[in-house]
Amino acid sequence: MVTLRCTKKLLKRLGRPVVADPERSSTVLGDWYADILFTQPHQVVLCVSEHARLPVVLLARELRTLDARLPVALGLVLKDLHVSPSAISRELAGMAMVRVARTASRSILGTINDYAIAVTGALAERPGISLHQLSLSLCETPVGPLKYEHPGACAPRLFGAGK
């Protein structure tokens, strides 16, 4: 079970019931935080994991399928970060059931704001960049709450692997 903690802006668009006080996520990466970004040439959803601040960028269209698309995109990112297939399978299995809740961490929202600036700039400068490649590029961003470690190094370590 995983909790997807959405900003007010995204919650309004999702139109789904919100769990007031959800239990902690049972996954290694913890809760996921998400915001919708109104970028050009398309709108995207920026998702960030609680424990590793791992970013995953998805198209905002078809928001009703966000629950299904996030694990697929995450699996590809983790694979490229050299996380073992068995660890990836366990993490994705833990994401099979998703609860939607409000955001609960100003620190993670700050990380989202930092990433949002990078996403907007990258999409403007390189309109042909794939969202997967953009996610991997963001993985190399030093994150203050991680003592300036890169999420691309932190996430594999949480799964017991090195990059």
C-alpha atoms as a PDB file:
ATOM      1  CA  MET A   1       0.000   0.000   0.000  1.00  0.00           C
ATOM      2  CA  VAL A   2       1.332   3.435  -0.927  1.00  0.00           C
ATOM      3  CA  THR A   3       0.053   6.943  -0.270  1.00  0.00           C
ATOM      4  CA  LEU A   4       0.074   9.489  -3.081  1.00  0.00           C
ATOM      5  CA  ARG A   5       0.136  12.928  -1.428  1.00  0.00           C
ATOM      6  CA  CYS A   6      -1.101  15.497  -3.919  1.00  0.00           C
ATOM      7  CA  THR A   7      -1.042  19.277  -3.939  1.00  0.00           C
ATOM      8  CA  LYS A   8      -4.404  21.096  -3.841  1.00  0.00           C
ATOM      9  CA  LYS A   9      -3.989  21.945  -7.512  1.00  0.00           C
ATOM     10  CA  LEU A  10      -3.625  18.270  -8.448  1.00  0.00           C
ATOM     11  CA  LEU A  11      -6.314  17.048  -6.037  1.00  0.00           C
ATOM     12  CA  LYS A  12      -8.820  19.352  -7.705  1.00  0.00           C
ATOM     13  CA  ARG A  13      -8.001  17.835 -11.084  1.00  0.00           C
ATOM     14  CA  LEU A  14      -7.959  14.225  -9.864  1.00  0.00           C
ATOM     15  CA  GLY A  15     -11.440  14.448  -8.391  1.00  0.00           C
ATOM     16  CA  ARG A  16     -10.855  11.436  -6.147  1.00  0.00           C
ATOM     17  CA  PRO A  17     -11.707  10.878  -2.496  1.00  0.00           C
ATOM     18  CA  VAL A  18      -8.961  11.916  -0.100  1.00  0.00           C
ATOM     19  CA  VAL A  19      -7.939   9.830   2.920  1.00  0.00           C
ATOM     20  CA  ALA A  20      -7.735  12.205   5.888  1.00  0.00           C
ATOM     21  CA  ASP A  21      -5.131  10.374   7.969  1.00  0.00           C
ATOM     22  CA  PRO A  22      -3.511   7.573   5.944  1.00  0.00           C
ATOM     23  CA  GLU A  23      -1.128   5.000   7.361  1.00  0.00           C
ATOM     24  CA  ARG A  24       2.523   5.202   6.324  1.00  0.00           C
ATOM     25  CA  SER A  25       3.344   3.611   2.987  1.00  0.00           C
ATOM     26  CA  SER A  26       4.752   0.092   3.191  1.00  0.00           C
ATOM     27  CA  THR A  27       7.230   0.668   0.343  1.00  0.00           C
ATOM     28  CA  VAL A  28      10.976   1.340   0.611  1.00  0.00           C
ATOM     29  CA  LEU A  29      10.620   4.755  -1.019  1.00  0.00           C
ATOM     30  CA  GLY A  30       7.746   5.767   1.277  1.00  0.00           C
ATOM     31  CA  ASP A  31       4.902   8.095   0.378  1.00  0.00           C
ATOM     32  CA  TRP A  32       4.883   9.795  -3.002  1.00  0.00           C
ATOM     33  CA  TYR A  33       4.213  13.513  -3.415  1.00  0.00           C
ATOM     34  CA  ALA A  34       2.781  14.842  -6.663  1.00  0.00           C
ATOM     35  CA  ASP A  35       2.068  18.178  -8.309  1.00  0.00           C
ATOM     36  CA  ILE A  36       0.818  19.156 -11.741  1.00  0.00           C
ATOM     37  CA  LEU A  37       3.010  21.514 -13.737  1.00  0.00           C
ATOM     38  CA  PHE A  38       1.578  23.643 -16.521  1.00  0.00           C
ATOM     39  CA  THR A  39       4.601  23.466 -18.827  1.00  0.00           C
ATOM     40  CA  GLN A  40       4.995  23.693 -22.578  1.00  0.00           C
ATOM     41  CA  PRO A  41       4.530  21.785 -24.819  1.00  0.00           C
ATOM     42  CA  HIS A  42       2.394  19.679 -22.425  1.00  0.00           C
ATOM     43  CA  GLN A  43       1.312  19.524 -18.812  1.00  0.00           C
ATOM     44  CA  VAL A  44       3.161  17.053 -16.608  1.00  0.00           C
ATOM     45  CA  VAL A  45       2.809  15.496 -13.175  1.00  0.00           C
ATOM     46  CA  LEU A  46       5.952  15.595 -11.074  1.00  0.00           C
ATOM     47  CA  CYS A  47       6.090  12.786  -8.507  1.00  0.00           C
ATOM     48  CA  VAL A  48       8.734  12.684  -5.754  1.00  0.00           C
ATOM     49  CA  SER A  49       9.365   9.870  -3.285  1.00  0.00           C
ATOM     50  CA  GLU A  50       9.523  10.650   0.411  1.00  0.00           C
ATOM     51  CA  HIS A  51      12.703   8.828   1.449  1.00  0.00           C
ATOM     52  CA  ALA A  52      15.003   9.261  -1.572  1.00  0.00           C
ATOM     53  CA  ARG A  53      13.404  12.351  -3.166  1.00  0.00           C
ATOM     54  CA  LEU A  54      13.436  10.287  -6.354  1.00  0.00           C
ATOM     55  CA  PRO A  55      11.657  12.173  -9.172  1.00  0.00           C
ATOM     56  CA  VAL A  56       9.371  10.644 -11.796  1.00  0.00           C
ATOM     57  CA  VAL A  57       7.813  12.875 -14.471  1.00  0.00           C
ATOM     58  CA  LEU A  58       4.613  11.757 -16.235  1.00  0.00           C
ATOM     59  CA  LEU A  59       2.218  13.297 -18.732  1.00  0.00           C
ATOM     60  CA  ALA A  60      -0.730  14.938 -16.992  1.00  0.00           C
ATOM     61  CA  ARG A  61      -3.293  13.731 -19.488  1.00  0.00           C
ATOM     62  CA  GLU A  62      -5.297  10.719 -18.384  1.00  0.00           C
ATOM     63  CA  LEU A  63      -4.982  11.554 -14.681  1.00  0.00           C
ATOM     64  CA  ARG A  64      -7.331   8.706 -13.856  1.00  0.00           C
ATOM     65  CA  THR A  65      -4.534   6.302 -14.849  1.00  0.00           C
ATOM     66  CA  LEU A  66      -1.865   8.001 -12.717  1.00  0.00           C
ATOM     67  CA  ASP A  67      -1.945   5.116 -10.189  1.00  0.00           C
ATOM     68  CA  ALA A  68      -1.049   2.630 -12.917  1.00  0.00           C
ATOM     69  CA  ARG A  69       1.477   4.775 -14.805  1.00  0.00           C
ATOM     70  CA  LEU A  70       3.580   5.842 -11.803  1.00  0.00           C
ATOM     71  CA  PRO A  71       4.797   2.311 -10.922  1.00  0.00           C
ATOM     72  CA  VAL A  72       5.621   1.557 -14.562  1.00  0.00           C
ATOM     73  CA  ALA A  73       7.696   4.739 -14.927  1.00  0.00           C
ATOM     74  CA  LEU A  74       9.303   4.169 -11.518  1.00  0.00           C
ATOM     75  CA  GLY A  75      10.302   0.642 -12.499  1.00  0.00           C
ATOM     76  CA  LEU A  76      12.139   1.968 -15.561  1.00  0.00           C
ATOM     77  CA  VAL A  77      13.942   4.632 -13.515  1.00  0.00           C
ATOM     78  CA  LEU A  78      14.981   2.099 -10.853  1.00  0.00           C
ATOM     79  CA  LYS A  79      16.208  -0.279 -13.555  1.00  0.00           C
ATOM     80  CA  ASP A  80      18.406   2.478 -15.030  1.00  0.00           C
ATOM     81  CA  LEU A  81      19.727   3.183 -11.512  1.00  0.00           C
ATOM     82  CA  HIS A  82      20.818  -0.476 -11.308  1.00  0.00           C
ATOM     83  CA  VAL A  83      18.392  -1.569  -8.609  1.00  0.00           C
ATOM     84  CA  SER A  84      17.940  -5.343  -8.671  1.00  0.00           C
ATOM     85  CA  PRO A  85      14.922  -6.727 -10.528  1.00  0.00           C
ATOM     86  CA  SER A  86      13.686  -8.494  -7.372  1.00  0.00           C
ATOM     87  CA  ALA A  87      13.817  -5.242  -5.351  1.00  0.00           C
ATOM     88  CA  ILE A  88      11.996  -3.415  -8.141  1.00  0.00           C
ATOM     89  CA  SER A  89       9.304  -6.118  -8.220  1.00  0.00           C
ATOM     90  CA  ARG A  90       8.770  -5.855  -4.450  1.00  0.00           C
ATOM     91  CA  GLU A  91       8.525  -2.059  -4.607  1.00  0.00           C
ATOM     92  CA  LEU A  92       6.056  -2.105  -7.485  1.00  0.00           C
ATOM     93  CA  ALA A  93       3.970  -4.822  -5.793  1.00  0.00           C
ATOM     94  CA  GLY A  94       3.766  -2.531  -2.759  1.00  0.00           C
ATOM     95  CA  MET A  95       2.363   0.182  -5.021  1.00  0.00           C
ATOM     96  CA  ALA A  96      -0.522  -1.975  -6.269  1.00  0.00           C
ATOM     97  CA  MET A  97      -2.947  -0.210  -3.927  1.00  0.00           C
ATOM     98  CA  VAL A  98      -2.823   3.588  -3.813  1.00  0.00           C
ATOM     99  CA  ARG A  99      -4.450   5.940  -1.318  1.00  0.00           C
ATOM    100  CA  VAL A 100      -4.739   9.622  -2.171  1.00  0.00           C
ATOM    101  CA  ALA A 101      -4.069  12.168   0.571  1.00  0.00           C
ATOM    102  CA  ARG A 102      -3.064  15.780   1.048  1.00  0.00           C
ATOM    103  CA  THR A 103       0.564  16.796   1.277  1.00  0.00           C
ATOM    104  CA  ALA A 104       2.111  16.624   4.754  1.00  0.00           C
ATOM    105  CA  SER A 105       5.736  17.756   4.340  1.00  0.00           C
ATOM    106  CA  ARG A 106       6.828  21.274   3.503  1.00  0.00           C
ATOM    107  CA  SER A 107      10.356  19.967   2.978  1.00  0.00           C
ATOM    108  CA  ILE A 108       9.267  17.630   0.185  1.00  0.00           C
ATOM    109  CA  LEU A 109       7.165  20.419  -1.340  1.00  0.00           C
ATOM    110  CA  GLY A 110      10.348  22.512  -1.389  1.00  0.00           C
ATOM    111  CA  THR A 111      12.107  19.740  -3.304  1.00  0.00           C
ATOM    112  CA  ILE A 112       9.174  19.626  -5.728  1.00  0.00           C
ATOM    113  CA  ASN A 113       9.494  23.385  -6.265  1.00  0.00           C
ATOM    114  CA  ASP A 114      13.209  23.000  -7.015  1.00  0.00           C
ATOM    115  CA  TYR A 115      12.528  20.180  -9.457  1.00  0.00           C
ATOM    116  CA  ALA A 116       9.663  22.138 -11.059  1.00  0.00           C
ATOM    117  CA  ILE A 117      12.071  24.914 -12.047  1.00  0.00           C
ATOM    118  CA  ALA A 118      14.416  22.341 -13.592  1.00  0.00           C
ATOM    119  CA  VAL A 119      11.552  20.573 -15.421  1.00  0.00           C
ATOM    120  CA  THR A 120      10.220  23.819 -16.889  1.00  0.00           C
ATOM    121  CA  GLY A 121      13.691  24.840 -18.051  1.00  0.00           C
ATOM    122  CA  ALA A 122      14.532  21.432 -19.510  1.00  0.00           C
ATOM    123  CA  LEU A 123      11.284  21.196 -21.466  1.00  0.00           C
ATOM    124  CA  ALA A 124      11.775  24.716 -22.843  1.00  0.00           C
ATOM    125  CA  GLU A 125      15.415  24.110 -23.830  1.00  0.00           C
ATOM    126  CA  ARG A 126      15.015  20.544 -25.066  1.00  0.00           C
ATOM    127  CA  PRO A 127      11.408  20.060 -26.256  1.00  0.00           C
ATOM    128  CA  GLY A 128      12.198  16.565 -27.586  1.00  0.00           C
ATOM    129  CA  ILE A 129      13.474  15.189 -24.258  1.00  0.00           C
ATOM    130  CA  SER A 130      11.605  12.108 -23.108  1.00  0.00           C
ATOM    131  CA  LEU A 131       9.985  12.281 -19.695  1.00  0.00           C
ATOM    132  CA  HIS A 132      11.994   9.212 -18.689  1.00  0.00           C
ATOM    133  CA  GLN A 133      15.242  10.952 -19.628  1.00  0.00           C
ATOM    134  CA  LEU A 134      14.059  14.053 -17.767  1.00  0.00           C
ATOM    135  CA  SER A 135      13.377  11.928 -14.673  1.00  0.00           C
ATOM    136  CA  LEU A 136      16.879  10.460 -14.862  1.00  0.00           C
ATOM    137  CA  SER A 137      18.388  13.908 -15.320  1.00  0.00           C
ATOM    138  CA  LEU A 138      16.587  15.145 -12.190  1.00  0.00           C
ATOM    139  CA  CYS A 139      18.009  12.132 -10.313  1.00  0.00           C
ATOM    140  CA  GLU A 140      21.417  13.818 -10.552  1.00  0.00           C
ATOM    141  CA  THR A 141      20.240  16.952  -8.705  1.00  0.00           C
ATOM    142  CA  PRO A 142      21.798  17.419  -5.263  1.00  0.00           C
ATOM    143  CA  VAL A 143      19.028  17.646  -2.652  1.00  0.00           C
ATOM    144  CA  GLY A 144      19.572  19.647   0.545  1.00  0.00           C
ATOM    145  CA  PRO A 145      17.505  17.445   2.895  1.00  0.00           C
ATOM    146  CA  LEU A 146      19.572  14.464   1.678  1.00  0.00           C
ATOM    147  CA  LYS A 147      22.750  16.331   2.717  1.00  0.00           C
ATOM    148  CA  TYR A 148      23.181  17.229  -0.973  1.00  0.00           C
ATOM    149  CA  GLU A 149      23.265  13.618  -2.072  1.00  0.00           C
ATOM    150  CA  HIS A 150      21.727  12.821  -5.450  1.00  0.00           C
ATOM    151  CA  PRO A 151      18.461  10.834  -5.442  1.00  0.00           C
ATOM    152  CA  GLY A 152      20.045   8.643  -8.131  1.00  0.00           C
ATOM    153  CA  ALA A 153      22.596   7.508  -5.538  1.00  0.00           C
ATOM    154  CA  CYS A 154      20.299   7.508  -2.511  1.00  0.00           C
ATOM    155  CA  ALA A 155      17.521   5.346  -3.985  1.00  0.00           C
ATOM    156  CA  PRO A 156      19.724   2.366  -4.951  1.00  0.00           C
ATOM    157  CA  ARG A 157      21.339   2.485  -1.512  1.00  0.00           C
ATOM    158  CA  LEU A 158      17.900   2.235   0.128  1.00  0.00           C
ATOM    159  CA  PHE A 159      17.376  -0.948  -1.889  1.00  0.00           C
ATOM    160  CA  GLY A 160      20.775  -2.291  -0.842  1.00  0.00           C
ATOM    161  CA  ALA A 161      22.520  -1.595  -4.142  1.00  0.00           C
ATOM    162  CA  GLY A 162      25.149   0.790  -5.429  1.00  0.00           C
ATOM    163  CA  LYS A 163      24.789   2.903  -8.530  1.00  0.00           C
END
